Amino acid sequence: MLCTWQETRFSTLMMFTSQRPVNMGRLNAVAALAYVAMAVRLAESLAHSGKSLRVFTNDPDRLLMLAGANAGLLTPALLEIDPVFPLHLRFYAAHHKLRVFERFSQETWPNCLLDLDMVLSKDGAAVEQMLEKPRAMEAWIYDISAQIFPAYSRQVVQQDLARLGAPNAFPLWYGGEFILGIPSFFARLSAECNRLLPTYLSLCDSLHHVGDESIVSVALNGLSHEFAIGEAGDAELVVRYWSGRTLHVQPPAAVLRRCAFWHLPDMKWALSRNALSRTPRQLTRAIRARQLLMAMRPARR
């Protein structure tokens, strides 16, 4: 089995918890509504290419209630809160991606897990070309080391990955916003994450970053020789793009026109507002406007 556009199904994760969102400075109730609006925006962008969006959630009824008139765009799938994850963990809800991997391993088609703050900007034919040419893969993952190493130092990040059990001397850091693979890939990824979890939980208070990307990166570094894996960033399947200042060198916003899926971590409120009317062109203009605004502000010392 290979990852083809026709067979691949798309999912995201929306867990309702008492933890205040780490990267959204609003009240939790308001944030929940914004995250659901982002899910609607992502679902609408997928629907334009003939794909639906499954939302793993611990509260399907609340998800559909907050989606309101747009509830028909979302397909909820129940995912219970896992007590193995301590409530104090940063990005607590996102850790449940590990349980989504297990669900994917039990299905008979390729699956792609996306973050909520994303949109698909290209049509199905274009994404099919990216996925299957020059040849289809068994999995696609997104190497964001070029963003992480400058921000936290290569030495610090790679030492943390080594402490967690990365098998290679120079491990890479992978983003969790785009992970696509066949069932056997997710079976191995789930098994590796479960094997590493006790070590991760014992060390998480001393890591430079606490979140699902830490443990998933270690697992992915160990799977690179087991499957035919494509690099989704190089293939322009996905781009993580920031509208504010960064500690890494970021290309101009024009790069968005070449990429299929846009991950916009600091544009959550823009994504959640007027969800059904925002086009990729409008979002690009919003990103450029915010970049200009941020450039005029004095840098933090």
Protein backbone atom coordinates (compact mmCIF):
# COMPACT_ATOMS: atom_id res chain seq x y z
CA MET A 1 0.00 0.00 0.00
CA LEU A 2 1.17 3.53 -0.83
CA CYS A 3 -0.03 7.02 0.06
CA THR A 4 -2.21 8.04 -2.88
CA TRP A 5 -4.44 11.09 -2.97
CA GLN A 6 -7.58 9.12 -3.79
CA GLU A 7 -7.19 6.75 -0.82
CA THR A 8 -5.85 9.16 1.80
CA ARG A 9 -8.25 10.41 4.47
CA PHE A 10 -7.69 13.50 6.57
CA SER A 11 -8.13 14.00 10.31
CA THR A 12 -7.40 16.53 13.04
CA LEU A 13 -7.56 16.63 16.83
CA MET A 14 -9.79 18.83 19.00
CA MET A 15 -9.69 17.91 22.70
CA PHE A 16 -11.71 19.94 25.18
CA THR A 17 -9.74 20.30 28.43
CA SER A 18 -9.47 22.63 31.39
CA GLN A 19 -5.93 23.66 30.44
CA ARG A 20 -5.61 27.17 29.04
CA PRO A 21 -4.16 27.05 25.51
CA VAL A 22 -0.40 27.64 25.58
CA ASN A 23 -0.25 29.69 22.40
CA MET A 24 -3.54 31.60 22.47
CA GLY A 25 -3.85 34.40 24.98
CA ARG A 26 -7.60 34.36 25.39
CA LEU A 27 -10.03 32.78 27.82
CA ASN A 28 -10.48 29.06 27.35
CA ALA A 29 -14.16 29.29 26.36
CA VAL A 30 -13.35 31.81 23.64
CA ALA A 31 -10.38 29.73 22.53
CA ALA A 32 -12.55 26.64 22.17
CA LEU A 33 -14.86 28.47 19.81
CA ALA A 34 -11.88 29.76 17.83
CA TYR A 35 -10.37 26.29 17.50
CA VAL A 36 -13.67 24.87 16.25
CA ALA A 37 -13.88 27.73 13.75
CA MET A 38 -10.38 26.76 12.55
CA ALA A 39 -11.57 23.17 12.13
CA VAL A 40 -14.42 24.48 9.98
CA ARG A 41 -11.98 26.52 7.89
CA LEU A 42 -9.74 23.49 7.35
CA ALA A 43 -12.72 21.29 6.53
CA GLU A 44 -14.00 23.80 3.99
CA SER A 45 -10.61 23.99 2.26
CA LEU A 46 -10.47 20.18 2.06
CA ALA A 47 -14.04 20.01 0.76
CA HIS A 48 -13.04 22.18 -2.20
CA SER A 49 -10.76 19.31 -3.19
CA GLY A 50 -13.32 16.58 -2.57
CA LYS A 51 -12.05 15.54 0.88
CA SER A 52 -13.77 15.49 4.26
CA LEU A 53 -12.33 16.17 7.72
CA ARG A 54 -12.64 13.77 10.64
CA VAL A 55 -12.18 15.44 14.03
CA PHE A 56 -11.00 13.28 16.92
CA THR A 57 -12.51 14.75 20.07
CA ASN A 58 -13.48 13.82 23.59
CA ASP A 59 -16.77 15.75 23.27
CA PRO A 60 -18.46 15.30 19.85
CA ASP A 61 -21.67 17.01 20.99
CA ARG A 62 -19.83 20.15 22.09
CA LEU A 63 -17.83 20.19 18.87
CA LEU A 64 -20.97 20.13 16.73
CA MET A 65 -22.76 22.67 18.96
CA LEU A 66 -19.90 25.16 18.65
CA ALA A 67 -19.70 24.58 14.89
CA GLY A 68 -23.34 25.61 14.60
CA ALA A 69 -24.57 25.88 11.01
CA ASN A 70 -21.21 24.54 9.79
CA ALA A 71 -21.44 21.30 11.78
CA GLY A 72 -22.10 19.34 8.59
CA LEU A 73 -18.53 20.01 7.46
CA LEU A 74 -17.09 18.08 10.41
CA THR A 75 -17.14 14.34 11.11
CA PRO A 76 -16.54 13.81 14.84
CA ALA A 77 -14.83 10.66 16.13
CA LEU A 78 -14.77 9.96 19.85
CA LEU A 79 -11.32 9.88 21.48
CA GLU A 80 -11.30 9.57 25.25
CA ILE A 81 -8.93 11.55 27.47
CA ASP A 82 -5.97 9.32 28.33
CA PRO A 83 -5.04 9.48 32.05
CA VAL A 84 -1.42 8.51 31.27
CA PHE A 85 -0.74 12.13 30.28
CA PRO A 86 -0.32 14.39 33.35
CA LEU A 87 -2.58 17.44 33.31
CA HIS A 88 0.35 19.81 33.91
CA LEU A 89 1.99 18.98 30.56
CA ARG A 90 2.33 21.89 28.18
CA PHE A 91 0.32 21.19 25.03
CA TYR A 92 -1.53 18.59 27.09
CA ALA A 93 -4.30 18.03 24.53
CA ALA A 94 -1.87 17.61 21.62
CA HIS A 95 -0.26 14.61 23.33
CA HIS A 96 -3.38 12.65 22.42
CA LYS A 97 -2.03 12.50 18.86
CA LEU A 98 -0.24 9.40 20.10
CA ARG A 99 -3.63 7.73 20.55
CA VAL A 100 -4.72 8.86 17.09
CA PHE A 101 -1.72 7.03 15.59
CA GLU A 102 -3.00 3.84 17.17
CA ARG A 103 -6.43 4.37 15.61
CA PHE A 104 -4.84 4.94 12.20
CA SER A 105 -2.94 1.66 12.51
CA GLN A 106 -6.23 -0.22 12.76
CA GLU A 107 -7.70 1.18 9.54
CA THR A 108 -7.20 -0.03 5.99
CA TRP A 109 -6.36 3.19 4.17
CA PRO A 110 -3.65 5.88 4.37
CA ASN A 111 -4.34 8.65 6.87
CA CYS A 112 -3.04 12.19 7.23
CA LEU A 113 -3.11 13.98 10.58
CA LEU A 114 -3.26 17.78 10.35
CA ASP A 115 -3.18 20.53 12.95
CA LEU A 116 -6.25 22.72 13.31
CA ASP A 117 -4.51 25.97 12.35
CA MET A 118 -4.02 24.88 8.75
CA VAL A 119 -5.66 25.30 5.35
CA LEU A 120 -5.34 23.54 2.02
CA SER A 121 -4.66 26.10 -0.70
CA LYS A 122 -4.45 23.85 -3.79
CA ASP A 123 -6.89 21.58 -5.61
CA GLY A 124 -6.86 17.82 -5.48
CA ALA A 125 -5.09 17.39 -8.81
CA ALA A 126 -2.15 19.49 -7.63
CA VAL A 127 -1.85 17.62 -4.33
CA GLU A 128 -2.11 14.29 -6.16
CA GLN A 129 0.82 15.33 -8.33
CA MET A 130 2.88 16.23 -5.25
CA LEU A 131 2.04 12.98 -3.46
CA GLU A 132 2.58 10.57 -6.30
CA LYS A 133 5.31 12.08 -8.50
CA PRO A 134 8.03 11.03 -9.02
CA ARG A 135 6.74 8.07 -6.98
CA ALA A 136 4.28 7.43 -4.19
CA MET A 137 5.59 6.89 -0.67
CA GLU A 138 4.58 4.82 2.34
CA ALA A 139 4.70 7.90 4.56
CA TRP A 140 5.31 11.65 4.51
CA ILE A 141 6.77 13.62 7.42
CA TYR A 142 7.85 17.24 7.83
CA ASP A 143 11.40 18.11 8.89
CA ILE A 144 11.37 21.53 10.60
CA SER A 145 14.90 21.34 12.04
CA ALA A 146 15.79 24.54 10.14
CA GLN A 147 13.23 26.41 12.26
CA ILE A 148 13.92 24.69 15.58
CA PHE A 149 17.73 24.56 15.66
CA PRO A 150 18.27 28.35 15.31
CA ALA A 151 15.66 29.07 17.98
CA TYR A 152 16.91 26.65 20.65
CA SER A 153 20.42 25.73 19.37
CA ARG A 154 21.22 22.58 17.47
CA GLN A 155 23.25 21.22 20.38
CA VAL A 156 20.44 21.63 22.93
CA VAL A 157 17.78 20.11 20.68
CA GLN A 158 19.85 17.14 19.57
CA GLN A 159 21.01 16.46 23.13
CA ASP A 160 17.38 16.34 24.23
CA LEU A 161 16.50 13.97 21.40
CA ALA A 162 19.46 11.77 22.33
CA ARG A 163 18.37 11.71 25.98
CA LEU A 164 14.94 10.55 24.85
CA GLY A 165 16.47 7.73 22.84
CA ALA A 166 17.07 8.97 19.29
CA PRO A 167 19.16 6.22 17.64
CA ASN A 168 21.14 8.39 15.20
CA ALA A 169 24.02 10.73 16.00
CA PHE A 170 22.46 13.84 14.44
CA PRO A 171 18.68 13.50 14.90
CA LEU A 172 16.21 15.78 13.15
CA TRP A 173 13.16 17.55 14.54
CA TYR A 174 9.83 16.82 12.90
CA GLY A 175 6.70 18.94 13.02
CA GLY A 176 3.47 17.31 14.12
CA GLU A 177 1.21 19.30 11.82
CA PHE A 178 1.50 16.95 8.84
CA ILE A 179 2.01 13.20 9.30
CA LEU A 180 0.74 10.97 6.50
CA GLY A 181 1.20 7.25 6.25
CA ILE A 182 -0.12 3.77 5.61
CA PRO A 183 -1.49 1.63 8.49
CA SER A 184 1.74 -0.33 9.02
CA PHE A 185 3.69 2.94 9.34
CA PHE A 186 1.31 4.20 12.02
CA ALA A 187 1.47 0.83 13.79
CA ARG A 188 5.26 1.20 14.11
CA LEU A 189 5.00 4.90 15.00
CA SER A 190 2.44 4.13 17.71
CA ALA A 191 4.55 1.29 19.11
CA GLU A 192 7.68 3.45 19.21
CA CYS A 193 5.88 6.34 20.90
CA ASN A 194 4.45 3.99 23.53
CA ARG A 195 7.90 2.50 24.13
CA LEU A 196 9.44 5.97 24.56
CA LEU A 197 6.61 7.44 26.63
CA PRO A 198 7.88 6.47 30.12
CA THR A 199 11.28 8.02 29.38
CA TYR A 200 9.66 11.14 27.97
CA LEU A 201 7.40 11.58 31.01
CA SER A 202 10.35 11.14 33.37
CA LEU A 203 12.44 13.77 31.54
CA CYS A 204 9.84 16.24 30.26
CA ASP A 205 10.40 18.81 33.01
CA SER A 206 14.03 19.21 31.88
CA LEU A 207 13.52 19.31 28.10
CA HIS A 208 13.78 22.49 26.02
CA HIS A 209 10.31 21.72 24.64
CA VAL A 210 7.48 19.74 26.19
CA GLY A 211 5.03 18.56 23.58
CA ASP A 212 4.10 15.77 21.24
CA GLU A 213 6.79 16.81 18.74
CA SER A 214 9.55 15.76 21.13
CA ILE A 215 8.53 12.13 21.44
CA VAL A 216 7.26 11.85 17.87
CA SER A 217 10.55 13.24 16.51
CA VAL A 218 12.54 10.57 18.36
CA ALA A 219 10.23 7.86 17.04
CA LEU A 220 10.42 9.15 13.46
CA ASN A 221 14.22 9.33 13.55
CA GLY A 222 14.20 5.60 14.26
CA LEU A 223 11.73 4.68 11.49
CA SER A 224 13.48 6.32 8.54
CA HIS A 225 15.09 3.05 7.41
CA GLU A 226 11.92 0.95 7.73
CA PHE A 227 9.65 2.70 5.24
CA ALA A 228 9.79 4.69 2.03
CA ILE A 229 9.32 8.13 3.60
CA GLY A 230 9.03 11.43 1.74
CA GLU A 231 9.96 14.84 3.14
CA ALA A 232 6.76 16.85 2.92
CA GLY A 233 8.49 20.23 3.13
CA ASP A 234 10.82 19.54 0.22
CA ALA A 235 7.84 18.31 -1.81
CA GLU A 236 5.98 21.55 -0.92
CA LEU A 237 3.10 19.55 0.47
CA VAL A 238 3.24 21.67 3.63
CA VAL A 239 4.87 24.81 4.99
CA ARG A 240 4.97 26.14 8.55
CA TYR A 241 4.92 29.90 8.14
CA TRP A 242 5.09 32.66 10.73
CA SER A 243 3.75 36.18 10.34
CA GLY A 244 5.79 37.61 13.21
CA ARG A 245 9.50 37.79 13.98
CA THR A 246 11.39 34.52 13.86
CA LEU A 247 14.81 33.33 15.01
CA HIS A 248 15.29 31.46 11.74
CA VAL A 249 15.60 32.80 8.21
CA GLN A 250 12.15 32.65 6.68
CA PRO A 251 11.41 32.98 2.96
CA PRO A 252 9.04 35.68 1.65
CA ALA A 253 5.31 35.02 1.85
CA ALA A 254 5.36 34.18 -1.86
CA VAL A 255 6.48 30.67 -0.84
CA LEU A 256 2.89 30.03 0.21
CA ARG A 257 1.76 30.06 -3.41
CA ARG A 258 3.86 26.96 -4.10
CA CYS A 259 2.77 24.93 -1.08
CA ALA A 260 -0.39 22.89 -0.64
CA PHE A 261 -1.05 22.92 3.11
CA TRP A 262 -0.30 26.06 5.10
CA HIS A 263 0.37 25.81 8.82
CA LEU A 264 -0.01 29.30 10.32
CA PRO A 265 0.70 28.96 14.08
CA ASP A 266 0.53 32.68 14.89
CA MET A 267 -2.45 33.43 12.66
CA LYS A 268 -5.06 31.47 14.63
CA TRP A 269 -7.44 34.36 15.09
CA ALA A 270 -7.24 35.30 11.41
CA LEU A 271 -8.04 31.69 10.49
CA SER A 272 -10.95 31.50 12.91
CA ARG A 273 -12.68 34.69 11.78
CA ASN A 274 -15.00 34.71 8.76
CA ALA A 275 -13.98 31.12 8.22
CA LEU A 276 -16.05 30.43 5.14
CA SER A 277 -15.09 33.61 3.27
CA ARG A 278 -11.31 33.65 3.66
CA THR A 279 -9.44 32.68 0.52
CA PRO A 280 -5.71 31.85 0.30
CA ARG A 281 -5.15 35.24 -1.32
CA GLN A 282 -6.86 37.03 1.57
CA LEU A 283 -4.82 35.09 4.08
CA THR A 284 -1.60 35.90 2.24
CA ARG A 285 -2.46 39.61 2.40
CA ALA A 286 -3.25 39.28 6.12
CA ILE A 287 0.11 37.60 6.72
CA ARG A 288 1.99 40.32 4.85
CA ALA A 289 0.12 43.04 6.74
CA ARG A 290 1.01 41.45 10.07
CA GLN A 291 4.65 41.07 9.03
CA LEU A 292 4.81 44.79 8.29
CA LEU A 293 3.19 45.59 11.63
CA MET A 294 5.58 43.34 13.55
CA ALA A 295 8.59 44.78 11.73
CA MET A 296 7.70 48.28 13.01
CA ARG A 297 7.58 47.14 16.64
CA PRO A 298 10.77 47.32 18.71
CA ALA A 299 12.42 43.97 19.27
CA ARG A 300 12.14 42.46 22.74
CA ARG A 301 15.30 42.51 24.77
